Amino acid sequence: FQMDTSPESYLHLFPLDAIVYLTPDSENVLEDIDPNKVYILGGLVDESIHKKLTLQKAQEQSLQTARLPIREYMVKAANPRNYHSETLAINQVFDVLATYYATQSWPAALMAGVSSGKGYVLPD
C-alpha cells in the first residue's frame, strides 16, 4: 500500500464531508468502503480503553463516524473472563479494511483482523 505523510491535520487536507472517522462507539455501521471517502483510524496509545473518546473527538470536529460491523457478523464467544470488546488496535482495523477491500466479504475481513482474544467469533 502506498502511504503519504504530512504534518498537516486531516481537517486541512480533505473536505469535511469526505472524512469518516472510524470509532467503535459510533451508531453508524460501515457497510461498504467508499473510494471517495477518507477513513480515519482513530487510535490511542494507552493501556486502557477510553470509552467514547474518539467519538467525541469526531463529533467536535463535525465529522461522519462509523464502526466496523463486528456485532452484525460475529457472535460473542463464551470465555472464562466474559470479556468482549469491539475496540481494535490500528493494525487490526487496517487488516479488516484491507481484507474487505480485496474480498468484499465482511466475514473474511473480520476473521483476518479480529483476534479471538476480543471475545468475538464468526458463527458456525
N, C-alpha and C. Protein backbone atom coordinates (compact mmCIF):
# COMPACT_ATOMS: atom_id res chain seq x y z
N PHE A 1 0.83 -1.18 0.00
CA PHE A 1 0.00 0.00 0.00
C PHE A 1 0.87 1.24 0.00
N GLN A 2 0.43 2.23 -0.73
CA GLN A 2 1.15 3.49 -0.78
C GLN A 2 0.64 4.37 0.35
N MET A 3 1.55 5.07 1.00
CA MET A 3 1.15 5.94 2.10
C MET A 3 1.90 7.25 1.98
N ASP A 4 1.19 8.33 2.19
CA ASP A 4 1.79 9.65 2.24
C ASP A 4 1.65 10.17 3.66
N THR A 5 2.64 10.90 4.11
CA THR A 5 2.56 11.52 5.43
C THR A 5 2.65 13.03 5.28
N SER A 6 2.06 13.69 6.25
CA SER A 6 2.07 15.15 6.23
C SER A 6 1.97 15.66 7.66
N PRO A 7 2.64 16.75 7.95
CA PRO A 7 2.49 17.34 9.28
C PRO A 7 1.14 18.06 9.45
N GLU A 8 0.42 18.26 8.33
CA GLU A 8 -0.87 18.95 8.39
C GLU A 8 -1.97 18.03 8.91
N SER A 9 -2.94 18.61 9.53
CA SER A 9 -4.09 17.87 10.03
C SER A 9 -4.97 17.38 8.87
N TYR A 10 -5.57 16.23 9.05
CA TYR A 10 -6.51 15.73 8.04
C TYR A 10 -7.66 16.71 7.82
N LEU A 11 -7.94 17.54 8.81
CA LEU A 11 -9.00 18.54 8.69
C LEU A 11 -8.66 19.60 7.65
N HIS A 12 -7.36 19.80 7.41
CA HIS A 12 -6.93 20.78 6.41
C HIS A 12 -6.64 20.13 5.06
N LEU A 13 -6.47 18.82 5.05
CA LEU A 13 -6.10 18.13 3.81
C LEU A 13 -7.30 17.65 2.99
N PHE A 14 -8.43 17.41 3.67
CA PHE A 14 -9.59 16.83 2.99
C PHE A 14 -10.85 17.59 3.34
N PRO A 15 -11.84 17.61 2.43
CA PRO A 15 -13.13 18.23 2.76
C PRO A 15 -13.79 17.48 3.92
N LEU A 16 -14.40 18.20 4.82
CA LEU A 16 -15.03 17.57 5.99
C LEU A 16 -16.05 16.51 5.60
N ASP A 17 -16.79 16.75 4.52
CA ASP A 17 -17.82 15.78 4.14
C ASP A 17 -17.25 14.51 3.50
N ALA A 18 -15.93 14.49 3.27
CA ALA A 18 -15.30 13.29 2.71
C ALA A 18 -14.66 12.43 3.80
N ILE A 19 -14.60 12.94 5.03
CA ILE A 19 -13.92 12.23 6.11
C ILE A 19 -14.90 11.40 6.91
N VAL A 20 -14.53 10.14 7.16
CA VAL A 20 -15.30 9.25 8.04
C VAL A 20 -14.34 8.79 9.14
N TYR A 21 -14.65 9.14 10.35
CA TYR A 21 -13.82 8.77 11.49
C TYR A 21 -14.31 7.43 12.02
N LEU A 22 -13.45 6.41 11.97
CA LEU A 22 -13.84 5.09 12.45
C LEU A 22 -13.63 5.01 13.96
N THR A 23 -14.70 4.68 14.66
CA THR A 23 -14.67 4.57 16.11
C THR A 23 -15.64 3.47 16.53
N PRO A 24 -15.25 2.63 17.47
CA PRO A 24 -16.15 1.55 17.89
C PRO A 24 -17.41 2.04 18.60
N ASP A 25 -17.45 3.31 18.96
CA ASP A 25 -18.59 3.87 19.68
C ASP A 25 -19.65 4.50 18.76
N SER A 26 -19.42 4.49 17.46
CA SER A 26 -20.38 5.08 16.52
C SER A 26 -21.65 4.23 16.44
N GLU A 27 -22.76 4.89 16.21
CA GLU A 27 -24.02 4.18 15.96
C GLU A 27 -24.14 3.76 14.50
N ASN A 28 -23.31 4.34 13.64
CA ASN A 28 -23.36 4.05 12.21
C ASN A 28 -22.45 2.87 11.87
N VAL A 29 -23.01 1.92 11.14
CA VAL A 29 -22.26 0.73 10.76
C VAL A 29 -21.62 0.96 9.39
N LEU A 30 -20.33 0.66 9.27
CA LEU A 30 -19.66 0.74 7.98
C LEU A 30 -20.12 -0.45 7.14
N GLU A 31 -20.89 -0.18 6.12
CA GLU A 31 -21.43 -1.25 5.29
C GLU A 31 -20.58 -1.52 4.06
N ASP A 32 -19.90 -0.50 3.58
CA ASP A 32 -19.05 -0.64 2.40
C ASP A 32 -17.98 0.44 2.46
N ILE A 33 -16.91 0.24 1.71
CA ILE A 33 -15.86 1.25 1.62
C ILE A 33 -16.11 2.09 0.39
N ASP A 34 -16.24 3.37 0.59
CA ASP A 34 -16.48 4.32 -0.50
C ASP A 34 -15.12 4.89 -0.93
N PRO A 35 -14.70 4.66 -2.17
CA PRO A 35 -13.39 5.15 -2.61
C PRO A 35 -13.29 6.68 -2.62
N ASN A 36 -14.41 7.37 -2.50
CA ASN A 36 -14.40 8.83 -2.47
C ASN A 36 -14.33 9.38 -1.05
N LYS A 37 -14.24 8.50 -0.08
CA LYS A 37 -14.16 8.92 1.32
C LYS A 37 -12.75 8.70 1.85
N VAL A 38 -12.41 9.42 2.89
CA VAL A 38 -11.15 9.26 3.61
C VAL A 38 -11.50 8.71 4.98
N TYR A 39 -10.93 7.57 5.31
CA TYR A 39 -11.25 6.91 6.58
C TYR A 39 -10.13 7.16 7.59
N ILE A 40 -10.51 7.72 8.71
CA ILE A 40 -9.57 7.99 9.79
C ILE A 40 -9.66 6.86 10.79
N LEU A 41 -8.52 6.22 11.05
CA LEU A 41 -8.47 5.16 12.04
C LEU A 41 -8.06 5.82 13.35
N GLY A 42 -9.02 6.02 14.22
CA GLY A 42 -8.75 6.67 15.50
C GLY A 42 -7.94 5.75 16.36
N GLY A 43 -6.90 6.26 16.94
CA GLY A 43 -6.07 5.39 17.76
C GLY A 43 -5.57 6.09 19.00
N LEU A 44 -5.45 5.30 20.05
CA LEU A 44 -4.91 5.79 21.31
C LEU A 44 -3.76 4.89 21.70
N VAL A 45 -2.68 5.47 22.11
CA VAL A 45 -1.57 4.69 22.63
C VAL A 45 -1.70 4.73 24.14
N ASP A 46 -2.36 3.72 24.68
CA ASP A 46 -2.66 3.72 26.09
C ASP A 46 -2.95 2.29 26.51
N GLU A 47 -2.79 2.00 27.76
CA GLU A 47 -3.06 0.66 28.28
C GLU A 47 -4.54 0.44 28.53
N SER A 48 -5.30 1.50 28.65
CA SER A 48 -6.72 1.35 28.96
C SER A 48 -7.57 1.88 27.82
N ILE A 49 -8.81 1.45 27.81
CA ILE A 49 -9.75 1.88 26.77
C ILE A 49 -10.54 3.07 27.31
N HIS A 50 -10.56 4.14 26.54
CA HIS A 50 -11.30 5.35 26.91
C HIS A 50 -12.60 5.37 26.11
N LYS A 51 -13.68 4.96 26.74
CA LYS A 51 -14.97 4.89 26.05
C LYS A 51 -15.36 6.25 25.49
N LYS A 52 -15.77 6.23 24.24
CA LYS A 52 -16.34 7.36 23.52
C LYS A 52 -15.39 8.54 23.30
N LEU A 53 -14.11 8.40 23.61
CA LEU A 53 -13.18 9.50 23.41
C LEU A 53 -13.03 9.83 21.93
N THR A 54 -12.88 8.79 21.08
CA THR A 54 -12.73 9.05 19.65
C THR A 54 -14.04 9.53 19.04
N LEU A 55 -15.16 9.04 19.53
CA LEU A 55 -16.46 9.51 19.05
C LEU A 55 -16.63 10.99 19.39
N GLN A 56 -16.29 11.37 20.59
CA GLN A 56 -16.40 12.78 21.00
C GLN A 56 -15.50 13.67 20.14
N LYS A 57 -14.29 13.19 19.87
CA LYS A 57 -13.36 13.97 19.03
C LYS A 57 -13.96 14.18 17.65
N ALA A 58 -14.50 13.13 17.06
CA ALA A 58 -15.09 13.24 15.72
C ALA A 58 -16.30 14.19 15.74
N GLN A 59 -17.12 14.08 16.76
CA GLN A 59 -18.29 14.95 16.86
C GLN A 59 -17.88 16.41 17.04
N GLU A 60 -16.85 16.66 17.82
CA GLU A 60 -16.35 18.03 18.00
C GLU A 60 -15.84 18.61 16.68
N GLN A 61 -15.35 17.74 15.81
CA GLN A 61 -14.82 18.18 14.51
C GLN A 61 -15.88 18.11 13.41
N SER A 62 -17.12 17.81 13.78
CA SER A 62 -18.25 17.72 12.84
C SER A 62 -18.01 16.70 11.74
N LEU A 63 -17.45 15.55 12.10
CA LEU A 63 -17.13 14.52 11.13
C LEU A 63 -18.15 13.39 11.18
N GLN A 64 -18.32 12.72 10.04
CA GLN A 64 -19.12 11.50 9.99
C GLN A 64 -18.36 10.43 10.76
N THR A 65 -19.09 9.52 11.37
CA THR A 65 -18.45 8.41 12.07
C THR A 65 -19.04 7.09 11.59
N ALA A 66 -18.29 6.03 11.81
CA ALA A 66 -18.77 4.68 11.52
C ALA A 66 -17.97 3.71 12.37
N ARG A 67 -18.54 2.51 12.54
CA ARG A 67 -17.85 1.44 13.24
C ARG A 67 -17.83 0.21 12.34
N LEU A 68 -16.88 -0.66 12.60
CA LEU A 68 -16.83 -1.91 11.86
C LEU A 68 -18.04 -2.77 12.24
N PRO A 69 -18.54 -3.58 11.31
CA PRO A 69 -19.76 -4.36 11.58
C PRO A 69 -19.49 -5.65 12.37
N ILE A 70 -18.81 -5.52 13.48
CA ILE A 70 -18.46 -6.69 14.28
C ILE A 70 -19.70 -7.38 14.82
N ARG A 71 -20.59 -6.63 15.46
CA ARG A 71 -21.76 -7.29 16.06
C ARG A 71 -22.79 -7.74 15.02
N GLU A 72 -22.67 -7.24 13.80
CA GLU A 72 -23.58 -7.68 12.74
C GLU A 72 -23.16 -9.02 12.14
N TYR A 73 -21.86 -9.33 12.18
CA TYR A 73 -21.36 -10.54 11.54
C TYR A 73 -20.77 -11.56 12.52
N MET A 74 -20.49 -11.13 13.73
CA MET A 74 -19.83 -12.02 14.69
C MET A 74 -20.74 -12.22 15.91
N VAL A 75 -20.43 -13.23 16.68
CA VAL A 75 -21.18 -13.50 17.91
C VAL A 75 -20.20 -13.53 19.07
N LYS A 76 -20.73 -13.27 20.24
CA LYS A 76 -19.90 -13.33 21.45
C LYS A 76 -19.57 -14.78 21.76
N ALA A 77 -18.29 -15.01 21.97
CA ALA A 77 -17.83 -16.36 22.31
C ALA A 77 -17.81 -16.51 23.82
N ALA A 78 -18.16 -17.69 24.28
CA ALA A 78 -18.05 -17.96 25.71
C ALA A 78 -16.57 -17.97 26.08
N ASN A 79 -16.23 -17.27 27.13
CA ASN A 79 -14.86 -17.28 27.61
C ASN A 79 -14.86 -17.10 29.12
N PRO A 80 -13.82 -17.58 29.78
CA PRO A 80 -13.81 -17.58 31.24
C PRO A 80 -13.91 -16.19 31.87
N ARG A 81 -13.41 -15.18 31.19
CA ARG A 81 -13.44 -13.82 31.76
C ARG A 81 -14.70 -13.05 31.35
N ASN A 82 -15.55 -13.66 30.51
CA ASN A 82 -16.72 -12.97 29.98
C ASN A 82 -16.31 -11.63 29.36
N TYR A 83 -15.23 -11.64 28.61
CA TYR A 83 -14.66 -10.45 28.00
C TYR A 83 -15.07 -10.37 26.54
N HIS A 84 -15.60 -9.20 26.15
CA HIS A 84 -15.97 -8.95 24.75
C HIS A 84 -15.66 -7.48 24.45
N SER A 85 -14.89 -7.24 23.42
CA SER A 85 -14.52 -5.87 23.08
C SER A 85 -14.52 -5.68 21.57
N GLU A 86 -15.13 -4.59 21.14
CA GLU A 86 -15.12 -4.22 19.73
C GLU A 86 -14.02 -3.21 19.44
N THR A 87 -13.23 -2.88 20.44
CA THR A 87 -12.12 -1.95 20.26
C THR A 87 -10.91 -2.72 19.76
N LEU A 88 -10.39 -2.30 18.61
CA LEU A 88 -9.27 -2.98 17.98
C LEU A 88 -8.08 -2.04 17.89
N ALA A 89 -6.90 -2.62 17.78
CA ALA A 89 -5.68 -1.85 17.54
C ALA A 89 -5.71 -1.35 16.09
N ILE A 90 -4.94 -0.32 15.83
CA ILE A 90 -4.93 0.28 14.49
C ILE A 90 -4.56 -0.75 13.42
N ASN A 91 -3.57 -1.61 13.71
CA ASN A 91 -3.18 -2.60 12.71
C ASN A 91 -4.30 -3.61 12.45
N GLN A 92 -5.10 -3.92 13.47
CA GLN A 92 -6.23 -4.83 13.28
C GLN A 92 -7.31 -4.18 12.40
N VAL A 93 -7.59 -2.91 12.65
CA VAL A 93 -8.58 -2.20 11.83
C VAL A 93 -8.08 -2.13 10.39
N PHE A 94 -6.81 -1.84 10.21
CA PHE A 94 -6.24 -1.79 8.87
C PHE A 94 -6.37 -3.15 8.18
N ASP A 95 -6.07 -4.23 8.90
CA ASP A 95 -6.20 -5.57 8.32
C ASP A 95 -7.64 -5.86 7.90
N VAL A 96 -8.60 -5.46 8.73
CA VAL A 96 -10.01 -5.66 8.39
C VAL A 96 -10.35 -4.89 7.12
N LEU A 97 -9.98 -3.62 7.07
CA LEU A 97 -10.32 -2.79 5.90
C LEU A 97 -9.62 -3.29 4.63
N ALA A 98 -8.36 -3.65 4.73
CA ALA A 98 -7.62 -4.13 3.56
C ALA A 98 -8.20 -5.44 3.05
N THR A 99 -8.56 -6.33 3.97
CA THR A 99 -9.15 -7.60 3.54
C THR A 99 -10.52 -7.40 2.94
N TYR A 100 -11.32 -6.51 3.55
CA TYR A 100 -12.65 -6.23 2.98
C TYR A 100 -12.50 -5.64 1.57
N TYR A 101 -11.59 -4.71 1.41
CA TYR A 101 -11.38 -4.08 0.11
C TYR A 101 -11.02 -5.12 -0.96
N ALA A 102 -10.20 -6.09 -0.57
CA ALA A 102 -9.76 -7.12 -1.52
C ALA A 102 -10.82 -8.18 -1.78
N THR A 103 -11.63 -8.51 -0.76
CA THR A 103 -12.56 -9.64 -0.89
C THR A 103 -14.03 -9.23 -1.00
N GLN A 104 -14.34 -8.02 -0.58
CA GLN A 104 -15.74 -7.56 -0.47
C GLN A 104 -16.56 -8.48 0.44
N SER A 105 -15.90 -9.08 1.42
CA SER A 105 -16.55 -10.00 2.35
C SER A 105 -16.25 -9.57 3.78
N TRP A 106 -17.29 -9.13 4.50
CA TRP A 106 -17.09 -8.76 5.90
C TRP A 106 -16.68 -9.96 6.76
N PRO A 107 -17.29 -11.13 6.58
CA PRO A 107 -16.82 -12.27 7.40
C PRO A 107 -15.32 -12.56 7.20
N ALA A 108 -14.86 -12.56 5.97
CA ALA A 108 -13.43 -12.79 5.71
C ALA A 108 -12.58 -11.69 6.33
N ALA A 109 -13.04 -10.46 6.19
CA ALA A 109 -12.29 -9.32 6.72
C ALA A 109 -12.22 -9.35 8.24
N LEU A 110 -13.33 -9.64 8.88
CA LEU A 110 -13.36 -9.68 10.34
C LEU A 110 -12.54 -10.85 10.87
N MET A 111 -12.56 -11.96 10.16
CA MET A 111 -11.75 -13.11 10.56
C MET A 111 -10.26 -12.74 10.48
N ALA A 112 -9.89 -11.91 9.52
CA ALA A 112 -8.49 -11.52 9.34
C ALA A 112 -8.02 -10.54 10.41
N GLY A 113 -8.92 -9.74 10.97
CA GLY A 113 -8.47 -8.68 11.86
C GLY A 113 -8.91 -8.75 13.29
N VAL A 114 -9.96 -9.50 13.58
CA VAL A 114 -10.47 -9.56 14.95
C VAL A 114 -9.95 -10.84 15.60
N SER A 115 -9.03 -10.69 16.52
CA SER A 115 -8.45 -11.86 17.18
C SER A 115 -9.45 -12.49 18.14
N SER A 116 -9.28 -13.76 18.38
CA SER A 116 -10.20 -14.47 19.29
C SER A 116 -10.14 -13.91 20.70
N GLY A 117 -9.05 -13.25 21.04
CA GLY A 117 -8.92 -12.63 22.35
C GLY A 117 -9.90 -11.51 22.60
N LYS A 118 -10.53 -11.00 21.55
CA LYS A 118 -11.53 -9.94 21.69
C LYS A 118 -12.88 -10.50 22.14
N GLY A 119 -13.02 -11.82 22.11
CA GLY A 119 -14.25 -12.44 22.58
C GLY A 119 -15.34 -12.58 21.54
N TYR A 120 -15.01 -12.33 20.28
CA TYR A 120 -15.98 -12.47 19.20
C TYR A 120 -15.47 -13.51 18.20
N VAL A 121 -16.41 -14.28 17.64
CA VAL A 121 -16.07 -15.27 16.61
C VAL A 121 -17.16 -15.22 15.54
N LEU A 122 -16.83 -15.75 14.38
CA LEU A 122 -17.85 -15.88 13.34
C LEU A 122 -18.78 -17.03 13.72
N PRO A 123 -20.07 -16.90 13.45
CA PRO A 123 -20.97 -18.01 13.77
C PRO A 123 -20.67 -19.21 12.88
N ASP A 124 -20.99 -20.40 13.37
CA ASP A 124 -20.75 -21.63 12.59
C ASP A 124 -21.60 -21.69 11.36
